[in-house]
Amino acid sequence: MDLQAFARFANELADLARAHTLAVDTAPRVLTNKAFTSAPFDPVTRDDRLAEAAMRSLILARFPDHAVSGEEGGRSGPEQAHYCWSLDPIDGTRSFICGLPSWTTLIALLEGGGPVLGLIDAPRLGQRYLAYGEKAVLITPQGETPLRTSECRTLADARFSTTDPFLFEGSEFDTFDRLRSKVKITRFGLDGYAYARLAAGTIDLVVESGLKAHDFNALIPVVRCAGGTIGDWWGADDFSRGAIIAAATDELYRKTVDTLAS
């Protein structure tokens, strides 16, 4: 099966997730703190778990030889599967429980361990960002629009976003603050949606720390297929430490790496 067929299936998964996450106005949420009591509040809702379970069931029914790795349910399926679906049913749960529209559903297909297809769905906004191969599009009820990052090359011109400055720990906060002082505009609280808007050309730079695989797998194809650069804080592709830079251009990415290292 080719990537175009997998893309159609990814859209099915996103539609299925929407059926659960958009129904919250008629059903009470159940909140759980996944973190230890001494750690920052890390919420999960019943809607997270229902949406992931539905997507997981559909994947394993349609592709029993594929693996699934979800934020809430861990990994299932064949241990040596060539394909693995990465799921984050509600990225931005804090926004979700506050009634804000910027939360997203993240879906990625990994082949041989690397993401080859990414989907960022913003159900409340009616926006879906899909990328694979050489294709990157924004899908809305009005149709498809090609995605392309901006041509921003300097920090002084950059529209910068990070989810929450207080998620940077220890010396990371000082590093973030040094970067923030060099950019044009800083916006907080967008989670995965910031990467979608970077791909659309309205945000130029996103820097984060502490991300897990389900947080970034879907973002990588969306940013890269739209013409952007995404890598780690040290100028490489090692995402395992969760320290991520996404930039509209390679030049802006390199300048950000230099600033973080200085």
Protein backbone atom coordinates (compact mmCIF):
# COMPACT_ATOMS: atom_id res chain seq x y z
CA MET A 1 0.00 0.00 0.00
CA ASP A 2 1.34 3.46 -0.89
CA LEU A 3 1.48 6.59 1.27
CA GLN A 4 -1.55 8.10 -0.45
CA ALA A 5 -3.65 5.15 0.71
CA PHE A 6 -2.20 5.43 4.21
CA ALA A 7 -3.06 9.15 4.14
CA ARG A 8 -6.70 8.33 3.40
CA PHE A 9 -6.66 5.97 6.37
CA ALA A 10 -5.06 8.63 8.59
CA ASN A 11 -7.98 10.89 7.70
CA GLU A 12 -10.36 8.12 8.78
CA LEU A 13 -8.55 7.92 12.10
CA ALA A 14 -8.79 11.69 12.59
CA ASP A 15 -12.50 11.64 11.79
CA LEU A 16 -12.99 8.84 14.30
CA ALA A 17 -11.10 10.76 16.98
CA ARG A 18 -13.24 13.85 16.30
CA ALA A 19 -16.38 11.80 16.95
CA HIS A 20 -15.17 11.40 20.55
CA THR A 21 -13.34 14.65 21.27
CA LEU A 22 -16.02 16.94 19.81
CA ALA A 23 -18.74 15.25 21.84
CA VAL A 24 -17.51 16.55 25.19
CA ASP A 25 -20.17 19.25 25.46
CA THR A 26 -22.76 16.50 26.05
CA ALA A 27 -20.68 14.29 28.35
CA PRO A 28 -18.89 15.07 31.64
CA ARG A 29 -15.13 14.83 31.62
CA VAL A 30 -13.20 12.65 34.01
CA LEU A 31 -9.83 14.18 34.86
CA THR A 32 -6.81 12.27 36.10
CA ASN A 33 -3.37 13.60 36.96
CA LYS A 34 -0.80 11.30 35.31
CA ALA A 35 2.10 12.99 37.09
CA PHE A 36 3.30 12.35 40.62
CA THR A 37 1.80 14.72 43.16
CA SER A 38 5.06 16.69 43.37
CA ALA A 39 5.28 17.13 39.58
CA PRO A 40 3.43 19.65 37.41
CA PHE A 41 -0.19 18.78 36.73
CA ASP A 42 -0.32 16.39 33.73
CA PRO A 43 -4.01 15.90 32.95
CA VAL A 44 -5.67 13.13 30.98
CA THR A 45 -9.41 12.96 30.29
CA ARG A 46 -11.82 10.18 29.51
CA ASP A 47 -12.02 11.69 26.02
CA ASP A 48 -8.27 11.11 25.47
CA ARG A 49 -8.65 7.46 26.30
CA LEU A 50 -11.84 6.87 24.33
CA ALA A 51 -10.44 8.53 21.21
CA GLU A 52 -7.20 6.56 21.37
CA ALA A 53 -8.99 3.28 22.00
CA ALA A 54 -11.22 3.84 18.97
CA MET A 55 -8.27 4.67 16.70
CA ARG A 56 -6.25 1.76 18.05
CA SER A 57 -9.08 -0.70 17.39
CA LEU A 58 -9.54 0.51 13.82
CA ILE A 59 -5.81 0.24 13.07
CA LEU A 60 -5.49 -3.29 14.44
CA ALA A 61 -8.66 -4.38 12.61
CA ARG A 62 -7.52 -2.92 9.28
CA PHE A 63 -3.79 -3.61 9.59
CA PRO A 64 -3.17 -6.45 12.04
CA ASP A 65 0.48 -6.57 11.01
CA HIS A 66 1.03 -2.94 12.09
CA ALA A 67 2.02 -1.82 15.58
CA VAL A 68 0.39 1.05 17.48
CA SER A 69 2.05 3.34 20.01
CA GLY A 70 -0.29 5.70 21.84
CA GLU A 71 0.18 8.26 24.58
CA GLU A 72 -2.46 6.66 26.78
CA GLY A 73 -2.28 2.96 25.89
CA GLY A 74 1.38 2.33 25.19
CA ARG A 75 2.49 0.01 22.41
CA SER A 76 0.60 -2.95 20.97
CA GLY A 77 0.85 -5.14 17.89
CA PRO A 78 3.73 -7.17 16.45
CA GLU A 79 7.03 -6.40 18.13
CA GLN A 80 8.98 -6.33 14.84
CA ALA A 81 6.30 -4.56 12.78
CA HIS A 82 7.63 -2.60 9.81
CA TYR A 83 4.89 0.01 10.24
CA CYS A 84 3.84 1.65 13.49
CA TRP A 85 1.12 4.25 14.08
CA SER A 86 1.89 6.95 16.66
CA LEU A 87 -1.17 8.47 18.35
CA ASP A 88 -1.75 11.44 20.63
CA PRO A 89 -5.54 11.83 20.81
CA ILE A 90 -5.52 15.22 22.55
CA ASP A 91 -2.29 17.19 22.41
CA GLY A 92 -2.86 20.27 24.53
CA THR A 93 -5.12 18.76 27.19
CA ARG A 94 -4.87 21.91 29.32
CA SER A 95 -6.36 23.92 26.45
CA PHE A 96 -8.96 21.20 25.94
CA ILE A 97 -10.20 21.25 29.53
CA CYS A 98 -10.24 25.07 29.53
CA GLY A 99 -12.50 25.15 26.47
CA LEU A 100 -9.86 26.65 24.19
CA PRO A 101 -9.81 25.59 20.52
CA SER A 102 -6.07 25.14 19.93
CA TRP A 103 -5.72 21.52 21.07
CA THR A 104 -4.97 18.96 18.37
CA THR A 105 -4.97 15.26 17.55
CA LEU A 106 -1.58 13.99 16.37
CA ILE A 107 -1.31 10.94 14.10
CA ALA A 108 1.87 9.66 12.48
CA LEU A 109 2.87 6.61 10.48
CA LEU A 110 6.39 5.33 11.14
CA GLU A 111 8.17 3.10 8.67
CA GLY A 112 11.23 1.34 10.01
CA GLY A 113 11.12 3.62 13.06
CA GLY A 114 11.01 6.95 11.22
CA PRO A 115 7.89 9.08 10.58
CA VAL A 116 6.87 9.14 6.91
CA LEU A 117 3.38 10.61 7.32
CA GLY A 118 2.10 13.22 9.77
CA LEU A 119 -1.35 14.58 10.52
CA ILE A 120 -2.17 17.45 12.89
CA ASP A 121 -5.92 17.82 13.33
CA ALA A 122 -7.47 20.87 15.02
CA PRO A 123 -11.10 19.72 15.35
CA ARG A 124 -12.53 22.84 17.00
CA LEU A 125 -10.99 25.01 14.29
CA GLY A 126 -12.01 22.74 11.41
CA GLN A 127 -8.40 22.49 10.24
CA ARG A 128 -6.37 19.44 9.32
CA TYR A 129 -2.66 19.55 8.39
CA LEU A 130 -1.51 16.51 6.43
CA ALA A 131 1.94 15.73 5.03
CA TYR A 132 3.70 12.81 3.36
CA GLY A 133 6.16 12.43 0.51
CA GLU A 134 6.37 15.82 -1.17
CA LYS A 135 2.82 16.82 -0.20
CA ALA A 136 1.84 19.16 2.64
CA VAL A 137 -1.70 20.53 2.71
CA LEU A 138 -4.18 22.26 4.99
CA ILE A 139 -7.59 20.63 4.69
CA THR A 140 -10.69 22.65 5.65
CA PRO A 141 -14.37 22.44 4.65
CA GLN A 142 -13.46 24.81 1.81
CA GLY A 143 -10.91 22.37 0.34
CA GLU A 144 -7.13 21.84 0.29
CA THR A 145 -4.47 24.55 0.44
CA PRO A 146 -0.74 23.85 -0.01
CA LEU A 147 1.38 24.43 3.09
CA ARG A 148 4.58 26.42 2.89
CA THR A 149 6.72 27.80 5.66
CA SER A 150 7.73 31.46 5.67
CA GLU A 151 11.10 32.66 4.39
CA CYS A 152 12.18 34.03 7.78
CA ARG A 153 15.94 33.71 8.24
CA THR A 154 16.74 35.92 11.25
CA LEU A 155 15.80 35.77 14.90
CA ALA A 156 15.04 39.49 14.88
CA ASP A 157 12.20 38.86 12.41
CA ALA A 158 10.97 35.61 13.91
CA ARG A 159 7.50 34.94 15.30
CA PHE A 160 8.38 32.49 18.06
CA SER A 161 6.27 30.05 20.06
CA THR A 162 6.73 27.62 22.91
CA THR A 163 4.02 25.91 24.92
CA ASP A 164 4.99 27.13 28.39
CA PRO A 165 8.27 28.78 29.51
CA PHE A 166 7.95 27.11 32.90
CA LEU A 167 8.34 23.69 31.28
CA PHE A 168 12.02 24.54 30.77
CA GLU A 169 13.95 23.23 33.77
CA GLY A 170 17.05 24.65 35.43
CA SER A 171 19.48 26.27 33.02
CA GLU A 172 17.07 25.58 30.15
CA PHE A 173 14.95 28.51 31.31
CA ASP A 174 17.87 30.91 31.04
CA THR A 175 18.59 29.52 27.58
CA PHE A 176 14.96 30.05 26.56
CA ASP A 177 14.95 33.58 27.98
CA ARG A 178 18.08 34.45 25.99
CA LEU A 179 16.38 33.26 22.82
CA ARG A 180 13.13 35.07 23.65
CA SER A 181 15.01 38.36 23.97
CA LYS A 182 16.23 38.06 20.38
CA VAL A 183 12.96 37.34 18.56
CA LYS A 184 10.27 39.70 17.28
CA ILE A 185 7.14 38.15 18.84
CA THR A 186 6.60 35.37 21.40
CA ARG A 187 3.35 33.41 21.84
CA PHE A 188 2.60 30.70 24.40
CA GLY A 189 0.13 27.86 24.91
CA LEU A 190 -0.26 26.39 21.42
CA ASP A 191 1.26 22.92 21.90
CA GLY A 192 1.24 20.99 18.59
CA TYR A 193 -0.82 23.65 16.86
CA ALA A 194 2.25 25.93 16.79
CA TYR A 195 3.97 23.50 14.43
CA ALA A 196 0.92 23.45 12.19
CA ARG A 197 0.98 27.22 11.93
CA LEU A 198 4.73 27.13 11.30
CA ALA A 199 4.01 24.86 8.33
CA ALA A 200 1.34 27.35 7.22
CA GLY A 201 3.80 30.25 7.36
CA THR A 202 2.33 32.31 10.21
CA ILE A 203 4.81 31.20 12.91
CA ASP A 204 8.52 31.04 12.14
CA LEU A 205 10.12 29.26 15.08
CA VAL A 206 9.12 26.76 17.79
CA VAL A 207 11.46 25.57 20.54
CA GLU A 208 10.44 23.00 23.16
CA SER A 209 11.92 20.66 25.73
CA GLY A 210 10.71 17.47 27.38
CA LEU A 211 8.66 16.17 24.45
CA LYS A 212 7.87 12.47 24.07
CA ALA A 213 7.74 10.52 20.81
CA HIS A 214 3.95 10.82 20.50
CA ASP A 215 4.37 14.61 20.87
CA PHE A 216 6.73 15.03 17.91
CA ASN A 217 6.31 12.10 15.49
CA ALA A 218 3.47 13.74 13.55
CA LEU A 219 5.14 17.15 13.56
CA ILE A 220 8.28 16.06 11.71
CA PRO A 221 6.69 15.28 8.30
CA VAL A 222 4.38 18.31 8.50
CA VAL A 223 7.24 20.74 9.09
CA ARG A 224 9.66 19.15 6.63
CA CYS A 225 7.19 18.61 3.78
CA ALA A 226 6.15 22.27 4.08
CA GLY A 227 9.76 23.35 3.55
CA GLY A 228 10.84 23.86 7.15
CA THR A 229 13.62 22.35 9.25
CA ILE A 230 13.07 20.38 12.44
CA GLY A 231 15.81 18.89 14.58
CA ASP A 232 17.28 18.86 18.06
CA TRP A 233 18.94 21.66 20.04
CA TRP A 234 22.39 20.58 18.87
CA GLY A 235 21.84 20.71 15.13
CA ALA A 236 21.17 17.00 14.63
CA ASP A 237 18.18 14.65 14.25
CA ASP A 238 18.30 12.99 17.67
CA PHE A 239 14.81 13.61 19.00
CA SER A 240 15.18 11.11 21.84
CA ARG A 241 15.96 13.82 24.41
CA GLY A 242 12.78 15.69 23.52
CA ALA A 243 14.59 18.98 22.90
CA ILE A 244 13.11 20.21 19.63
CA ILE A 245 13.63 23.16 17.30
CA ALA A 246 11.32 23.70 14.33
CA ALA A 247 12.15 26.60 12.03
CA ALA A 248 10.80 28.06 8.81
CA THR A 249 14.21 27.91 7.14
CA ASP A 250 17.44 26.04 7.67
CA GLU A 251 19.25 29.35 8.22
CA LEU A 252 16.90 30.27 11.07
CA TYR A 253 17.31 26.79 12.54
CA ARG A 254 21.12 27.10 12.53
CA LYS A 255 20.99 30.54 14.14
CA THR A 256 18.70 29.16 16.85
CA VAL A 257 21.09 26.27 17.53
CA ASP A 258 23.96 28.76 17.85
CA THR A 259 21.95 30.95 20.24
CA LEU A 260 20.97 28.03 22.46
CA ALA A 261 24.60 26.87 22.59
CA SER A 262 26.10 30.27 23.33
